Each structure stands twice: as structure tokens, then as C-alpha cells.
């Protein structure tokens, strides 16, 4: 059996360390996305109950 050839390290990508252009951090973006999802679920649940 032959030894596995080590992979070359990936080139540095400094743009991945930058903050996102909106809301200042990725955590804030995730919070907005999850909040939006929760709001949509609530709205559709209320509509379902209202027109059932």
C-alpha cells in the first residue's frame, strides 16, 4: 500500500473574515432570518385558524 499524499493547504481567503455588510455580524443576520421564519409561521397559523 502506498502512503496517502498530503493535500496542499487551501489558499488564504481574508474576505471570509470580514463582517457582513448588513447588521454587523453573521449572528445578527441569523437572528433576523429565524425571526422572519417564526413570524411567517405565526401569520400562516393565524390565517389557518381564522379561515378554518
PDB file of N, CA and C in Angstrom:
ATOM      1  N   UNK A   1       0.827  -1.183   0.000  1.00  0.00           N
ATOM      2  CA  UNK A   1       0.000   0.000   0.000  1.00  0.00           C
ATOM      3  C   UNK A   1       0.870   1.245   0.000  1.00  0.00           C
ATOM      4  N   UNK A   2       0.401   2.240  -0.708  1.00  0.00           N
ATOM      5  CA  UNK A   2       1.182   3.472  -0.758  1.00  0.00           C
ATOM      6  C   UNK A   2       0.668   4.451   0.292  1.00  0.00           C
ATOM      7  N   UNK A   3       1.545   5.330   0.698  1.00  0.00           N
ATOM      8  CA  UNK A   3       1.201   6.354   1.683  1.00  0.00           C
ATOM      9  C   UNK A   3       0.275   7.378   1.032  1.00  0.00           C
ATOM     10  N   UNK A   4      -0.721   7.895   1.757  1.00  0.00           N
ATOM     11  CA  UNK A   4      -1.573   8.944   1.178  1.00  0.00           C
ATOM     12  C   UNK A   4      -0.772  10.225   0.966  1.00  0.00           C
ATOM     13  N   UNK A   5      -1.065  10.883  -0.109  1.00  0.00           N
ATOM     14  CA  UNK A   5      -0.377  12.128  -0.440  1.00  0.00           C
ATOM     15  C   UNK A   5      -1.047  13.258   0.346  1.00  0.00           C
ATOM     16  N   UNK A   6      -0.276  14.022   1.122  1.00  0.00           N
ATOM     17  CA  UNK A   6      -0.899  15.113   1.875  1.00  0.00           C
ATOM     18  C   UNK A   6      -1.434  16.184   0.928  1.00  0.00           C
ATOM     19  N   UNK A   7      -2.617  16.693   1.275  1.00  0.00           N
ATOM     20  CA  UNK A   7      -3.220  17.732   0.444  1.00  0.00           C
ATOM     21  C   UNK A   7      -2.527  19.066   0.684  1.00  0.00           C
ATOM     22  N   UNK A   8      -2.521  19.890  -0.361  1.00  0.00           N
ATOM     23  CA  UNK A   8      -1.974  21.236  -0.207  1.00  0.00           C
ATOM     24  C   UNK A   8      -2.945  22.059   0.626  1.00  0.00           C
ATOM     25  N   UNK A   9      -2.449  22.928   1.488  1.00  0.00           N
ATOM     26  CA  UNK A   9      -3.371  23.768   2.262  1.00  0.00           C
ATOM     27  C   UNK A   9      -4.122  24.726   1.347  1.00  0.00           C
ATOM     28  N   UNK A  10      -5.345  25.003   1.716  1.00  0.00           N
ATOM     29  CA  UNK A  10      -6.167  25.916   0.927  1.00  0.00           C
ATOM     30  C   UNK A  10      -5.559  27.317   0.975  1.00  0.00           C
ATOM     31  N   UNK A  11      -5.680  28.051  -0.115  1.00  0.00           N
ATOM     32  CA  UNK A  11      -5.150  29.423  -0.092  1.00  0.00           C
ATOM     33  C   UNK A  11      -5.941  30.290   0.896  1.00  0.00           C
ATOM     34  N   UNK A  12      -5.270  31.242   1.463  1.00  0.00           N
ATOM     35  CA  UNK A  12      -5.903  32.139   2.433  1.00  0.00           C
ATOM     36  C   UNK A  12      -6.994  32.951   1.744  1.00  0.00           C
ATOM     37  N   UNK A  13      -8.125  33.108   2.438  1.00  0.00           N
ATOM     38  CA  UNK A  13      -9.240  33.898   1.907  1.00  0.00           C
ATOM     39  C   UNK A  13      -9.643  34.935   2.956  1.00  0.00           C
ATOM     40  N   UNK A  14      -8.959  36.061   2.988  1.00  0.00           N
ATOM     41  CA  UNK A  14      -9.243  37.055   4.036  1.00  0.00           C
ATOM     42  C   UNK A  14     -10.654  37.616   3.964  1.00  0.00           C
ATOM     43  N   UNK A  15     -11.317  37.546   2.804  1.00  0.00           N
ATOM     44  CA  UNK A  15     -12.677  38.087   2.700  1.00  0.00           C
ATOM     45  C   UNK A  15     -13.660  37.306   3.567  1.00  0.00           C
ATOM     46  N   UNK A  16     -13.313  36.074   3.933  1.00  0.00           N
ATOM     47  CA  UNK A  16     -14.190  35.286   4.795  1.00  0.00           C
ATOM     48  C   UNK A  16     -14.155  35.776   6.236  1.00  0.00           C
ATOM     49  N   UNK A  17     -13.125  36.494   6.623  1.00  0.00           N
ATOM     50  CA  UNK A  17     -13.018  37.009   7.985  1.00  0.00           C
ATOM     51  C   UNK A  17     -13.677  38.370   8.157  1.00  0.00           C
ATOM     52  N   UNK A  18     -14.104  38.982   7.068  1.00  0.00           N
ATOM     53  CA  UNK A  18     -14.724  40.299   7.156  1.00  0.00           C
ATOM     54  C   UNK A  18     -16.145  40.175   7.690  1.00  0.00           C
ATOM     55  N   UNK A  19     -16.622  41.259   8.294  1.00  0.00           N
ATOM     56  CA  UNK A  19     -18.002  41.257   8.765  1.00  0.00           C
ATOM     57  C   UNK A  19     -18.932  41.460   7.572  1.00  0.00           C
ATOM     58  N   UNK A  20     -20.175  40.972   7.673  1.00  0.00           N
ATOM     59  CA  UNK A  20     -21.113  41.165   6.582  1.00  0.00           C
ATOM     60  C   UNK A  20     -21.491  42.645   6.452  1.00  0.00           C
ATOM     61  N   UNK A  21     -21.908  43.070   5.264  1.00  0.00           N
ATOM     62  CA  UNK A  21     -22.204  44.488   5.062  1.00  0.00           C
ATOM     63  C   UNK A  21     -23.445  44.971   5.809  1.00  0.00           C
ATOM     64  N   UNK A  22     -24.348  44.078   6.155  1.00  0.00           N
ATOM     65  CA  UNK A  22     -25.565  44.472   6.874  1.00  0.00           C
ATOM     66  C   UNK A  22     -25.563  43.881   8.277  1.00  0.00           C
ATOM     67  N   UNK A  23     -26.046  44.614   9.232  1.00  0.00           N
ATOM     68  CA  UNK A  23     -26.277  44.179  10.615  1.00  0.00           C
ATOM     69  C   UNK A  23     -25.022  43.908  11.431  1.00  0.00           C
ATOM     70  N   UNK A  24     -23.843  44.004  10.861  1.00  0.00           N
ATOM     71  CA  UNK A  24     -22.612  43.950  11.641  1.00  0.00           C
ATOM     72  C   UNK A  24     -22.034  42.597  11.998  1.00  0.00           C
ATOM     73  N   UNK A  25     -22.863  41.542  12.063  1.00  0.00           N
ATOM     74  CA  UNK A  25     -22.307  40.221  12.358  1.00  0.00           C
ATOM     75  C   UNK A  25     -23.213  39.145  11.765  1.00  0.00           C
ATOM     76  N   UNK A  26     -22.638  37.972  11.550  1.00  0.00           N
ATOM     77  CA  UNK A  26     -23.421  36.865  10.999  1.00  0.00           C
ATOM     78  C   UNK A  26     -24.487  36.431  11.997  1.00  0.00           C
ATOM     79  N   UNK A  27     -24.207  36.534  13.279  1.00  0.00           N
ATOM     80  CA  UNK A  27     -25.197  36.152  14.292  1.00  0.00           C
ATOM     81  C   UNK A  27     -26.455  36.998  14.152  1.00  0.00           C
ATOM     82  N   UNK A  28     -26.296  38.295  13.930  1.00  0.00           N
ATOM     83  CA  UNK A  28     -27.450  39.172  13.764  1.00  0.00           C
ATOM     84  C   UNK A  28     -28.258  38.807  12.522  1.00  0.00           C
ATOM     85  N   UNK A  29     -27.586  38.430  11.460  1.00  0.00           N
ATOM     86  CA  UNK A  29     -28.293  38.027  10.247  1.00  0.00           C
ATOM     87  C   UNK A  29     -29.094  36.760  10.509  1.00  0.00           C
ATOM     88  N   UNK A  30     -28.499  35.784  11.215  1.00  0.00           N
ATOM     89  CA  UNK A  30     -29.210  34.546  11.541  1.00  0.00           C
ATOM     90  C   UNK A  30     -30.427  34.832  12.412  1.00  0.00           C
ATOM     91  N   UNK A  31     -30.292  35.746  13.364  1.00  0.00           N
ATOM     92  CA  UNK A  31     -31.413  36.096  14.239  1.00  0.00           C
ATOM     93  C   UNK A  31     -32.550  36.696  13.417  1.00  0.00           C
ATOM     94  N   UNK A  32     -32.237  37.571  12.476  1.00  0.00           N
ATOM     95  CA  UNK A  32     -33.266  38.175  11.629  1.00  0.00           C
ATOM     96  C   UNK A  32     -33.944  37.113  10.767  1.00  0.00           C
ATOM     97  N   UNK A  33     -33.175  36.226  10.186  1.00  0.00           N
ATOM     98  CA  UNK A  33     -33.750  35.180   9.340  1.00  0.00           C
ATOM     99  C   UNK A  33     -34.665  34.258  10.153  1.00  0.00           C
ATOM    100  N   UNK A  34     -34.211  33.821  11.326  1.00  0.00           N
ATOM    101  CA  UNK A  34     -35.042  32.958  12.160  1.00  0.00           C
ATOM    102  C   UNK A  34     -36.270  33.693  12.693  1.00  0.00           C
ATOM    103  N   UNK A  35     -36.118  34.961  13.026  1.00  0.00           N
ATOM    104  CA  UNK A  35     -37.265  35.760  13.460  1.00  0.00           C
ATOM    105  C   UNK A  35     -38.289  35.905  12.358  1.00  0.00           C
ATOM    106  N   UNK A  36     -37.826  36.108  11.130  1.00  0.00           N
ATOM    107  CA  UNK A  36     -38.713  36.201   9.979  1.00  0.00           C
ATOM    108  C   UNK A  36     -39.468  34.887   9.781  1.00  0.00           C
ATOM    109  N   UNK A  37     -38.764  33.764   9.902  1.00  0.00           N
ATOM    110  CA  UNK A  37     -39.403  32.461   9.775  1.00  0.00           C
ATOM    111  C   UNK A  37     -40.479  32.274  10.845  1.00  0.00           C
ATOM    112  N   UNK A  38     -40.160  32.615  12.076  1.00  0.00           N
ATOM    113  CA  UNK A  38     -41.125  32.477  13.171  1.00  0.00           C
ATOM    114  C   UNK A  38     -42.344  33.358  12.925  1.00  0.00           C
ATOM    115  N   UNK A  39     -42.139  34.569  12.448  1.00  0.00           N
ATOM    116  CA  UNK A  39     -43.245  35.479  12.155  1.00  0.00           C
ATOM    117  C   UNK A  39     -44.138  34.919  11.045  1.00  0.00           C
ATOM    118  N   UNK A  40     -43.533  34.381  10.003  1.00  0.00           N
ATOM    119  CA  UNK A  40     -44.321  33.798   8.914  1.00  0.00           C
ATOM    120  C   UNK A  40     -45.128  32.595   9.393  1.00  0.00           C
ATOM    121  N   UNK A  41     -44.516  31.744  10.206  1.00  0.00           N
ATOM    122  CA  UNK A  41     -45.238  30.592  10.741  1.00  0.00           C
ATOM    123  C   UNK A  41     -46.428  31.070  11.558  1.00  0.00           C
ATOM    124  N   UNK A  42     -46.234  32.071  12.400  1.00  0.00           N
ATOM    125  CA  UNK A  42     -47.320  32.610  13.218  1.00  0.00           C
ATOM    126  C   UNK A  42     -48.430  33.187  12.350  1.00  0.00           C
ATOM    127  N   UNK A  43     -48.080  33.963  11.336  1.00  0.00           N
ATOM    128  CA  UNK A  43     -49.081  34.567  10.454  1.00  0.00           C
ATOM    129  C   UNK A  43     -49.890  33.486   9.732  1.00  0.00           C
ATOM    130  N   UNK A  44     -49.210  32.481   9.189  1.00  0.00           N
ATOM    131  CA  UNK A  44     -49.921  31.435   8.470  1.00  0.00           C
ATOM    132  C   UNK A  44     -50.781  30.588   9.410  1.00  0.00           C
ATOM    133  N   UNK A  45     -50.314  30.382  10.641  1.00  0.00           N
ATOM    134  CA  UNK A  45     -51.114  29.657  11.623  1.00  0.00           C
ATOM    135  C   UNK A  45     -52.382  30.437  11.964  1.00  0.00           C
ATOM    136  N   UNK A  46     -52.222  31.762  12.161  1.00  0.00           N
ATOM    137  CA  UNK A  46     -53.386  32.599  12.458  1.00  0.00           C
ATOM    138  C   UNK A  46     -54.372  32.627  11.284  1.00  0.00           C
ATOM    139  N   UNK A  47     -53.868  32.713  10.075  1.00  0.00           N
ATOM    140  CA  UNK A  47     -54.739  32.694   8.901  1.00  0.00           C
ATOM    141  C   UNK A  47     -55.477  31.353   8.786  1.00  0.00           C
ATOM    142  N   UNK A  48     -54.788  30.281   9.078  1.00  0.00           N
ATOM    143  CA  UNK A  48     -55.418  28.959   9.022  1.00  0.00           C
ATOM    144  C   UNK A  48     -56.544  28.858  10.041  1.00  0.00           C
ATOM    145  N   UNK A  49     -56.308  29.351  11.253  1.00  0.00           N
ATOM    146  CA  UNK A  49     -57.359  29.309  12.288  1.00  0.00           C
ATOM    147  C   UNK A  49     -58.520  30.227  11.938  1.00  0.00           C
ATOM    148  N   UNK A  50     -58.235  31.385  11.348  1.00  0.00           N
ATOM    149  CA  UNK A  50     -59.282  32.346  11.028  1.00  0.00           C
ATOM    150  C   UNK A  50     -60.202  31.852   9.909  1.00  0.00           C
ATOM    151  N   UNK A  51     -59.664  31.148   8.947  1.00  0.00           N
ATOM    152  CA  UNK A  51     -60.449  30.726   7.792  1.00  0.00           C
ATOM    153  C   UNK A  51     -60.748  29.235   7.781  1.00  0.00           C
ATOM    154  N   UNK A  52     -60.643  28.595   8.924  1.00  0.00           N
ATOM    155  CA  UNK A  52     -60.927  27.169   9.012  1.00  0.00           C
ATOM    156  C   UNK A  52     -62.396  26.945   9.234  1.00  0.00           C
TER     157      UNK A  52
END
